[in-house]
All heavy atoms as atom14 arrays in JSON, in Angstrom:
{
  "sequence": "REANDLAQILFALFVSAAVTAATRDRAHLATDFFARRYS",
  "atom14_mask": [
    [1, 1, 1, 1, 1, 1, 1, 1, 1, 1, 1, 0, 0, 0],
    [1, 1, 1, 1, 1, 1, 1, 1, 1, 0, 0, 0, 0, 0],
    [1, 1, 1, 1, 1, 0, 0, 0, 0, 0, 0, 0, 0, 0],
    [1, 1, 1, 1, 1, 1, 1, 1, 0, 0, 0, 0, 0, 0],
    [1, 1, 1, 1, 1, 1, 1, 1, 0, 0, 0, 0, 0, 0],
    [1, 1, 1, 1, 1, 1, 1, 1, 0, 0, 0, 0, 0, 0],
    [1, 1, 1, 1, 1, 0, 0, 0, 0, 0, 0, 0, 0, 0],
    [1, 1, 1, 1, 1, 1, 1, 1, 1, 0, 0, 0, 0, 0],
    [1, 1, 1, 1, 1, 1, 1, 1, 0, 0, 0, 0, 0, 0],
    [1, 1, 1, 1, 1, 1, 1, 1, 0, 0, 0, 0, 0, 0],
    [1, 1, 1, 1, 1, 1, 1, 1, 1, 1, 1, 0, 0, 0],
    [1, 1, 1, 1, 1, 0, 0, 0, 0, 0, 0, 0, 0, 0],
    [1, 1, 1, 1, 1, 1, 1, 1, 0, 0, 0, 0, 0, 0],
    [1, 1, 1, 1, 1, 1, 1, 1, 1, 1, 1, 0, 0, 0],
    [1, 1, 1, 1, 1, 1, 1, 0, 0, 0, 0, 0, 0, 0],
    [1, 1, 1, 1, 1, 1, 0, 0, 0, 0, 0, 0, 0, 0],
    [1, 1, 1, 1, 1, 0, 0, 0, 0, 0, 0, 0, 0, 0],
    [1, 1, 1, 1, 1, 0, 0, 0, 0, 0, 0, 0, 0, 0],
    [1, 1, 1, 1, 1, 1, 1, 0, 0, 0, 0, 0, 0, 0],
    [1, 1, 1, 1, 1, 1, 1, 0, 0, 0, 0, 0, 0, 0],
    [1, 1, 1, 1, 1, 0, 0, 0, 0, 0, 0, 0, 0, 0],
    [1, 1, 1, 1, 1, 0, 0, 0, 0, 0, 0, 0, 0, 0],
    [1, 1, 1, 1, 1, 1, 1, 0, 0, 0, 0, 0, 0, 0],
    [1, 1, 1, 1, 1, 1, 1, 1, 1, 1, 1, 0, 0, 0],
    [1, 1, 1, 1, 1, 1, 1, 1, 0, 0, 0, 0, 0, 0],
    [1, 1, 1, 1, 1, 1, 1, 1, 1, 1, 1, 0, 0, 0],
    [1, 1, 1, 1, 1, 0, 0, 0, 0, 0, 0, 0, 0, 0],
    [1, 1, 1, 1, 1, 1, 1, 1, 1, 1, 0, 0, 0, 0],
    [1, 1, 1, 1, 1, 1, 1, 1, 0, 0, 0, 0, 0, 0],
    [1, 1, 1, 1, 1, 0, 0, 0, 0, 0, 0, 0, 0, 0],
    [1, 1, 1, 1, 1, 1, 1, 0, 0, 0, 0, 0, 0, 0],
    [1, 1, 1, 1, 1, 1, 1, 1, 0, 0, 0, 0, 0, 0],
    [1, 1, 1, 1, 1, 1, 1, 1, 1, 1, 1, 0, 0, 0],
    [1, 1, 1, 1, 1, 1, 1, 1, 1, 1, 1, 0, 0, 0],
    [1, 1, 1, 1, 1, 0, 0, 0, 0, 0, 0, 0, 0, 0],
    [1, 1, 1, 1, 1, 1, 1, 1, 1, 1, 1, 0, 0, 0],
    [1, 1, 1, 1, 1, 1, 1, 1, 1, 1, 1, 0, 0, 0],
    [1, 1, 1, 1, 1, 1, 1, 1, 1, 1, 1, 1, 0, 0],
    [1, 1, 1, 1, 1, 1, 0, 0, 0, 0, 0, 0, 0, 0]
  ],
  "atom14_positions": [
    [[135.63, 63.66, 150.16], [135.0, 62.85, 151.23], [133.91, 63.7, 152.0], [132.97, 63.17, 152.43], [136.01, 62.25, 152.07], [136.87, 61.23, 151.29], [137.96, 60.76, 152.18], [137.53, 59.62, 152.95], [138.31, 58.97, 153.85], [139.56, 59.23, 153.87], [137.79, 58.03, 154.52], [0.0, 0.0, 0.0], [0.0, 0.0, 0.0], [0.0, 0.0, 0.0]],
    [[134.31, 64.88, 152.28], [133.39, 65.77, 153.05], [132.18, 66.06, 152.18], [131.07, 66.11, 152.78], [134.12, 67.06, 153.42], [135.13, 66.98, 154.48], [136.47, 66.37, 153.99], [136.75, 66.21, 152.73], [137.3, 65.94, 154.9], [0.0, 0.0, 0.0], [0.0, 0.0, 0.0], [0.0, 0.0, 0.0], [0.0, 0.0, 0.0], [0.0, 0.0, 0.0]],
    [[132.29, 66.28, 150.9], [131.18, 66.48, 150.02], [130.3, 65.27, 149.98], [129.07, 65.37, 150.03], [131.62, 66.87, 148.59], [0.0, 0.0, 0.0], [0.0, 0.0, 0.0], [0.0, 0.0, 0.0], [0.0, 0.0, 0.0], [0.0, 0.0, 0.0], [0.0, 0.0, 0.0], [0.0, 0.0, 0.0], [0.0, 0.0, 0.0], [0.0, 0.0, 0.0]],
    [[130.9, 64.04, 150.05], [130.13, 62.8, 150.03], [129.36, 62.7, 151.32], [128.18, 62.35, 151.35], [131.06, 61.67, 149.87], [130.33, 60.37, 149.8], [129.4, 60.18, 149.01], [130.58, 59.43, 150.67], [0.0, 0.0, 0.0], [0.0, 0.0, 0.0], [0.0, 0.0, 0.0], [0.0, 0.0, 0.0], [0.0, 0.0, 0.0], [0.0, 0.0, 0.0]],
    [[129.98, 62.99, 152.4], [129.3, 62.86, 153.7], [128.11, 63.82, 153.85], [127.02, 63.46, 154.3], [130.31, 63.08, 154.92], [131.32, 61.91, 155.07], [131.08, 60.85, 154.45], [132.23, 62.15, 155.83], [0.0, 0.0, 0.0], [0.0, 0.0, 0.0], [0.0, 0.0, 0.0], [0.0, 0.0, 0.0], [0.0, 0.0, 0.0], [0.0, 0.0, 0.0]],
    [[128.32, 65.13, 153.44], [127.27, 66.09, 153.43], [126.19, 65.62, 152.51], [124.98, 65.75, 152.84], [127.81, 67.42, 153.09], [126.8, 68.52, 153.09], [126.1, 68.66, 154.51], [127.46, 69.88, 152.75], [0.0, 0.0, 0.0], [0.0, 0.0, 0.0], [0.0, 0.0, 0.0], [0.0, 0.0, 0.0], [0.0, 0.0, 0.0], [0.0, 0.0, 0.0]],
    [[126.49, 65.09, 151.34], [125.47, 64.61, 150.34], [124.67, 63.49, 151.01], [123.47, 63.43, 150.85], [126.18, 64.19, 149.09], [0.0, 0.0, 0.0], [0.0, 0.0, 0.0], [0.0, 0.0, 0.0], [0.0, 0.0, 0.0], [0.0, 0.0, 0.0], [0.0, 0.0, 0.0], [0.0, 0.0, 0.0], [0.0, 0.0, 0.0], [0.0, 0.0, 0.0]],
    [[125.34, 62.61, 151.69], [124.56, 61.54, 152.42], [123.58, 62.03, 153.37], [122.48, 61.53, 153.54], [125.57, 60.6, 153.1], [126.32, 59.62, 152.16], [127.18, 58.62, 152.92], [126.59, 57.87, 153.71], [128.46, 58.63, 152.57], [0.0, 0.0, 0.0], [0.0, 0.0, 0.0], [0.0, 0.0, 0.0], [0.0, 0.0, 0.0], [0.0, 0.0, 0.0]],
    [[124.03, 63.01, 154.18], [123.14, 63.59, 155.09], [121.93, 64.2, 154.45], [120.74, 63.96, 154.8], [123.83, 64.75, 155.98], [124.87, 64.08, 156.88], [122.82, 65.61, 156.71], [125.77, 65.13, 157.53], [0.0, 0.0, 0.0], [0.0, 0.0, 0.0], [0.0, 0.0, 0.0], [0.0, 0.0, 0.0], [0.0, 0.0, 0.0], [0.0, 0.0, 0.0]],
    [[122.19, 65.05, 153.47], [120.99, 65.66, 152.72], [120.22, 64.7, 151.96], [118.94, 64.84, 151.94], [121.56, 66.78, 151.79], [122.31, 67.93, 152.49], [122.86, 68.89, 151.45], [121.34, 68.67, 153.39], [0.0, 0.0, 0.0], [0.0, 0.0, 0.0], [0.0, 0.0, 0.0], [0.0, 0.0, 0.0], [0.0, 0.0, 0.0], [0.0, 0.0, 0.0]],
    [[120.81, 63.66, 151.43], [120.04, 62.63, 150.77], [119.07, 61.9, 151.68], [117.96, 61.56, 151.33], [121.01, 61.63, 149.99], [120.28, 60.7, 149.21], [119.64, 60.96, 147.93], [120.24, 59.36, 149.59], [118.92, 60.01, 147.3], [119.58, 58.39, 148.9], [118.94, 58.71, 147.65], [0.0, 0.0, 0.0], [0.0, 0.0, 0.0], [0.0, 0.0, 0.0]],
    [[119.61, 61.6, 152.87], [118.77, 60.81, 153.87], [117.63, 61.7, 154.22], [116.47, 61.15, 154.31], [119.6, 60.56, 155.09], [0.0, 0.0, 0.0], [0.0, 0.0, 0.0], [0.0, 0.0, 0.0], [0.0, 0.0, 0.0], [0.0, 0.0, 0.0], [0.0, 0.0, 0.0], [0.0, 0.0, 0.0], [0.0, 0.0, 0.0], [0.0, 0.0, 0.0]],
    [[117.81, 63.0, 154.43], [116.6, 63.86, 154.77], [115.7, 64.0, 153.48], [114.5, 63.95, 153.79], [117.13, 65.23, 155.18], [117.89, 65.25, 156.5], [118.56, 66.66, 156.67], [116.97, 64.96, 157.63], [0.0, 0.0, 0.0], [0.0, 0.0, 0.0], [0.0, 0.0, 0.0], [0.0, 0.0, 0.0], [0.0, 0.0, 0.0], [0.0, 0.0, 0.0]],
    [[116.21, 64.14, 152.32], [115.39, 64.17, 151.17], [114.53, 62.96, 151.02], [113.39, 62.99, 150.73], [116.17, 64.38, 149.9], [115.53, 64.35, 148.6], [114.68, 65.29, 148.24], [115.56, 63.25, 147.83], [113.91, 65.32, 147.08], [114.79, 63.14, 146.67], [114.01, 64.21, 146.34], [0.0, 0.0, 0.0], [0.0, 0.0, 0.0], [0.0, 0.0, 0.0]],
    [[115.1, 61.73, 151.15], [114.4, 60.51, 150.93], [113.33, 60.33, 152.0], [112.27, 59.87, 151.76], [115.34, 59.31, 150.87], [114.65, 58.02, 151.01], [116.2, 59.36, 149.6], [0.0, 0.0, 0.0], [0.0, 0.0, 0.0], [0.0, 0.0, 0.0], [0.0, 0.0, 0.0], [0.0, 0.0, 0.0], [0.0, 0.0, 0.0], [0.0, 0.0, 0.0]],
    [[113.62, 60.79, 153.24], [112.69, 60.61, 154.33], [111.45, 61.48, 154.07], [110.38, 61.03, 154.41], [113.26, 61.04, 155.68], [113.48, 62.45, 155.69], [0.0, 0.0, 0.0], [0.0, 0.0, 0.0], [0.0, 0.0, 0.0], [0.0, 0.0, 0.0], [0.0, 0.0, 0.0], [0.0, 0.0, 0.0], [0.0, 0.0, 0.0], [0.0, 0.0, 0.0]],
    [[111.52, 62.47, 153.28], [110.39, 63.26, 152.86], [109.83, 62.8, 151.56], [108.56, 62.83, 151.4], [110.74, 64.77, 152.81], [0.0, 0.0, 0.0], [0.0, 0.0, 0.0], [0.0, 0.0, 0.0], [0.0, 0.0, 0.0], [0.0, 0.0, 0.0], [0.0, 0.0, 0.0], [0.0, 0.0, 0.0], [0.0, 0.0, 0.0], [0.0, 0.0, 0.0]],
    [[110.67, 62.29, 150.72], [110.18, 61.93, 149.28], [109.25, 60.72, 149.35], [108.36, 60.67, 148.53], [111.36, 61.69, 148.39], [0.0, 0.0, 0.0], [0.0, 0.0, 0.0], [0.0, 0.0, 0.0], [0.0, 0.0, 0.0], [0.0, 0.0, 0.0], [0.0, 0.0, 0.0], [0.0, 0.0, 0.0], [0.0, 0.0, 0.0], [0.0, 0.0, 0.0]],
    [[109.44, 59.82, 150.25], [108.55, 58.66, 150.37], [107.13, 59.15, 150.74], [106.17, 58.69, 150.06], [109.11, 57.67, 151.36], [108.0, 56.61, 151.68], [110.33, 57.05, 150.97], [0.0, 0.0, 0.0], [0.0, 0.0, 0.0], [0.0, 0.0, 0.0], [0.0, 0.0, 0.0], [0.0, 0.0, 0.0], [0.0, 0.0, 0.0], [0.0, 0.0, 0.0]],
    [[106.98, 60.0, 151.6], [105.7, 60.56, 151.94], [105.08, 61.43, 150.87], [103.9, 61.35, 150.54], [105.77, 61.34, 153.32], [106.18, 60.4, 154.3], [104.4, 61.82, 153.75], [0.0, 0.0, 0.0], [0.0, 0.0, 0.0], [0.0, 0.0, 0.0], [0.0, 0.0, 0.0], [0.0, 0.0, 0.0], [0.0, 0.0, 0.0], [0.0, 0.0, 0.0]],
    [[105.94, 62.19, 150.17], [105.49, 63.06, 149.08], [104.96, 62.08, 147.93], [103.91, 62.44, 147.34], [106.62, 63.97, 148.58], [0.0, 0.0, 0.0], [0.0, 0.0, 0.0], [0.0, 0.0, 0.0], [0.0, 0.0, 0.0], [0.0, 0.0, 0.0], [0.0, 0.0, 0.0], [0.0, 0.0, 0.0], [0.0, 0.0, 0.0], [0.0, 0.0, 0.0]],
    [[105.61, 61.01, 147.66], [105.09, 60.05, 146.64], [103.8, 59.47, 147.06], [102.94, 59.25, 146.23], [106.21, 58.99, 146.37], [0.0, 0.0, 0.0], [0.0, 0.0, 0.0], [0.0, 0.0, 0.0], [0.0, 0.0, 0.0], [0.0, 0.0, 0.0], [0.0, 0.0, 0.0], [0.0, 0.0, 0.0], [0.0, 0.0, 0.0], [0.0, 0.0, 0.0]],
    [[103.62, 59.21, 148.36], [102.42, 58.64, 148.83], [101.31, 59.62, 148.69], [100.13, 59.29, 148.19], [102.54, 58.25, 150.28], [103.52, 57.2, 150.42], [101.23, 57.72, 150.91], [0.0, 0.0, 0.0], [0.0, 0.0, 0.0], [0.0, 0.0, 0.0], [0.0, 0.0, 0.0], [0.0, 0.0, 0.0], [0.0, 0.0, 0.0], [0.0, 0.0, 0.0]],
    [[101.52, 60.89, 148.99], [100.52, 61.95, 148.92], [100.1, 62.09, 147.49], [98.89, 62.43, 147.21], [101.06, 63.28, 149.41], [101.17, 63.35, 150.94], [101.78, 64.63, 151.36], [101.06, 65.79, 151.09], [100.07, 66.24, 151.86], [99.79, 65.65, 153.04], [99.47, 67.37, 151.56], [0.0, 0.0, 0.0], [0.0, 0.0, 0.0], [0.0, 0.0, 0.0]],
    [[100.99, 61.97, 146.62], [100.72, 62.16, 145.16], [100.22, 60.89, 144.41], [99.99, 60.82, 143.21], [101.96, 62.76, 144.4], [102.31, 64.13, 144.85], [101.36, 64.81, 145.39], [103.37, 64.52, 144.56], [0.0, 0.0, 0.0], [0.0, 0.0, 0.0], [0.0, 0.0, 0.0], [0.0, 0.0, 0.0], [0.0, 0.0, 0.0], [0.0, 0.0, 0.0]],
    [[100.19, 59.77, 145.17], [99.85, 58.49, 144.65], [100.78, 58.17, 143.49], [100.33, 57.64, 142.41], [98.37, 58.35, 144.22], [97.4, 58.77, 145.31], [97.38, 57.66, 146.38], [96.36, 57.95, 147.37], [96.64, 58.35, 148.61], [97.86, 58.7, 148.99], [95.66, 58.57, 149.48], [0.0, 0.0, 0.0], [0.0, 0.0, 0.0], [0.0, 0.0, 0.0]],
    [[102.04, 58.46, 143.64], [103.0, 58.28, 142.61], [103.9, 57.04, 142.78], [104.8, 56.82, 141.98], [103.93, 59.53, 142.45], [0.0, 0.0, 0.0], [0.0, 0.0, 0.0], [0.0, 0.0, 0.0], [0.0, 0.0, 0.0], [0.0, 0.0, 0.0], [0.0, 0.0, 0.0], [0.0, 0.0, 0.0], [0.0, 0.0, 0.0], [0.0, 0.0, 0.0]],
    [[103.62, 56.17, 143.68], [104.38, 54.94, 143.94], [103.97, 54.04, 142.77], [102.88, 54.05, 142.27], [104.05, 54.26, 145.19], [104.55, 54.98, 146.45], [105.86, 55.06, 146.75], [103.91, 55.55, 147.51], [106.06, 55.75, 147.82], [104.86, 56.06, 148.3], [0.0, 0.0, 0.0], [0.0, 0.0, 0.0], [0.0, 0.0, 0.0], [0.0, 0.0, 0.0]],
    [[104.96, 53.2, 142.37], [104.62, 52.15, 141.44], [103.63, 51.2, 142.19], [103.74, 50.84, 143.28], [105.91, 51.33, 141.12], [106.93, 52.0, 140.28], [108.19, 51.08, 140.14], [106.35, 52.4, 138.98], [0.0, 0.0, 0.0], [0.0, 0.0, 0.0], [0.0, 0.0, 0.0], [0.0, 0.0, 0.0], [0.0, 0.0, 0.0], [0.0, 0.0, 0.0]],
    [[102.68, 50.87, 141.43], [101.55, 50.06, 142.04], [101.06, 48.94, 141.02], [101.07, 49.16, 139.91], [100.37, 50.89, 142.46], [0.0, 0.0, 0.0], [0.0, 0.0, 0.0], [0.0, 0.0, 0.0], [0.0, 0.0, 0.0], [0.0, 0.0, 0.0], [0.0, 0.0, 0.0], [0.0, 0.0, 0.0], [0.0, 0.0, 0.0], [0.0, 0.0, 0.0]],
    [[100.71, 47.83, 141.62], [100.11, 46.83, 140.76], [98.63, 46.9, 141.08], [98.07, 46.13, 141.87], [100.63, 45.44, 141.16], [100.46, 45.27, 142.54], [102.09, 45.33, 140.81], [0.0, 0.0, 0.0], [0.0, 0.0, 0.0], [0.0, 0.0, 0.0], [0.0, 0.0, 0.0], [0.0, 0.0, 0.0], [0.0, 0.0, 0.0], [0.0, 0.0, 0.0]],
    [[98.02, 47.71, 140.35], [96.54, 48.0, 140.58], [95.67, 47.31, 139.41], [94.66, 47.94, 139.12], [96.28, 49.44, 140.74], [96.54, 50.27, 139.53], [97.19, 49.7, 138.59], [96.18, 51.49, 139.45], [0.0, 0.0, 0.0], [0.0, 0.0, 0.0], [0.0, 0.0, 0.0], [0.0, 0.0, 0.0], [0.0, 0.0, 0.0], [0.0, 0.0, 0.0]],
    [[96.17, 46.28, 138.89], [95.46, 45.65, 137.86], [94.01, 45.35, 138.21], [93.14, 45.6, 137.31], [96.15, 44.32, 137.4], [95.52, 43.7, 136.21], [95.64, 44.08, 134.93], [94.79, 42.49, 136.44], [95.07, 43.45, 133.93], [94.16, 41.82, 135.43], [94.4, 42.29, 134.1], [0.0, 0.0, 0.0], [0.0, 0.0, 0.0], [0.0, 0.0, 0.0]],
    [[93.79, 44.81, 139.39], [92.43, 44.59, 139.81], [91.73, 45.81, 140.38], [90.55, 46.07, 140.23], [92.33, 43.4, 140.81], [92.79, 42.16, 140.12], [93.94, 41.55, 140.45], [91.89, 41.5, 139.27], [94.31, 40.38, 139.84], [92.24, 40.3, 138.7], [93.51, 39.71, 139.01], [0.0, 0.0, 0.0], [0.0, 0.0, 0.0], [0.0, 0.0, 0.0]],
    [[92.57, 46.57, 141.21], [92.0, 47.67, 141.99], [91.44, 48.75, 141.07], [90.49, 49.54, 141.41], [92.98, 48.18, 142.93], [0.0, 0.0, 0.0], [0.0, 0.0, 0.0], [0.0, 0.0, 0.0], [0.0, 0.0, 0.0], [0.0, 0.0, 0.0], [0.0, 0.0, 0.0], [0.0, 0.0, 0.0], [0.0, 0.0, 0.0], [0.0, 0.0, 0.0]],
    [[92.02, 48.97, 139.95], [91.59, 50.04, 139.07], [90.18, 49.8, 138.5], [89.47, 50.77, 138.06], [92.58, 50.35, 137.95], [92.62, 49.21, 136.92], [93.57, 49.55, 135.82], [94.25, 48.37, 135.42], [95.11, 48.32, 134.42], [95.57, 49.38, 133.89], [95.61, 47.13, 134.02], [0.0, 0.0, 0.0], [0.0, 0.0, 0.0], [0.0, 0.0, 0.0]],
    [[89.75, 48.64, 138.63], [88.38, 48.24, 138.18], [87.34, 48.62, 139.26], [86.18, 48.63, 139.01], [88.31, 46.81, 137.8], [89.22, 46.47, 136.63], [89.15, 44.97, 136.39], [90.11, 44.63, 135.34], [90.44, 43.45, 135.05], [89.98, 42.44, 135.72], [91.38, 43.25, 134.1], [0.0, 0.0, 0.0], [0.0, 0.0, 0.0], [0.0, 0.0, 0.0]],
    [[87.8, 48.78, 140.47], [86.88, 49.02, 141.6], [86.44, 50.54, 141.53], [87.16, 51.44, 140.96], [87.54, 48.82, 142.94], [88.07, 47.43, 143.21], [89.05, 47.22, 144.19], [87.65, 46.39, 142.51], [89.49, 45.9, 144.44], [87.98, 45.14, 142.74], [89.0, 44.87, 143.74], [89.41, 43.58, 144.01], [0.0, 0.0, 0.0], [0.0, 0.0, 0.0]],
    [[85.28, 50.78, 142.17], [84.77, 52.15, 142.25], [85.75, 52.94, 143.15], [86.52, 52.5, 143.92], [83.44, 52.17, 142.81], [83.44, 51.88, 144.13], [0.0, 0.0, 0.0], [0.0, 0.0, 0.0], [0.0, 0.0, 0.0], [0.0, 0.0, 0.0], [0.0, 0.0, 0.0], [0.0, 0.0, 0.0], [0.0, 0.0, 0.0], [0.0, 0.0, 0.0]]
  ]
}
């Protein structure tokens, strides 16, 4: 249970940074069917 609680803490911190990291890398899933045709 202690390992689970610590994992939850670290996972929350990891995800809080991972969302922005994915944005910076343009790695989010995207529906750019039309936008990829734009300049």
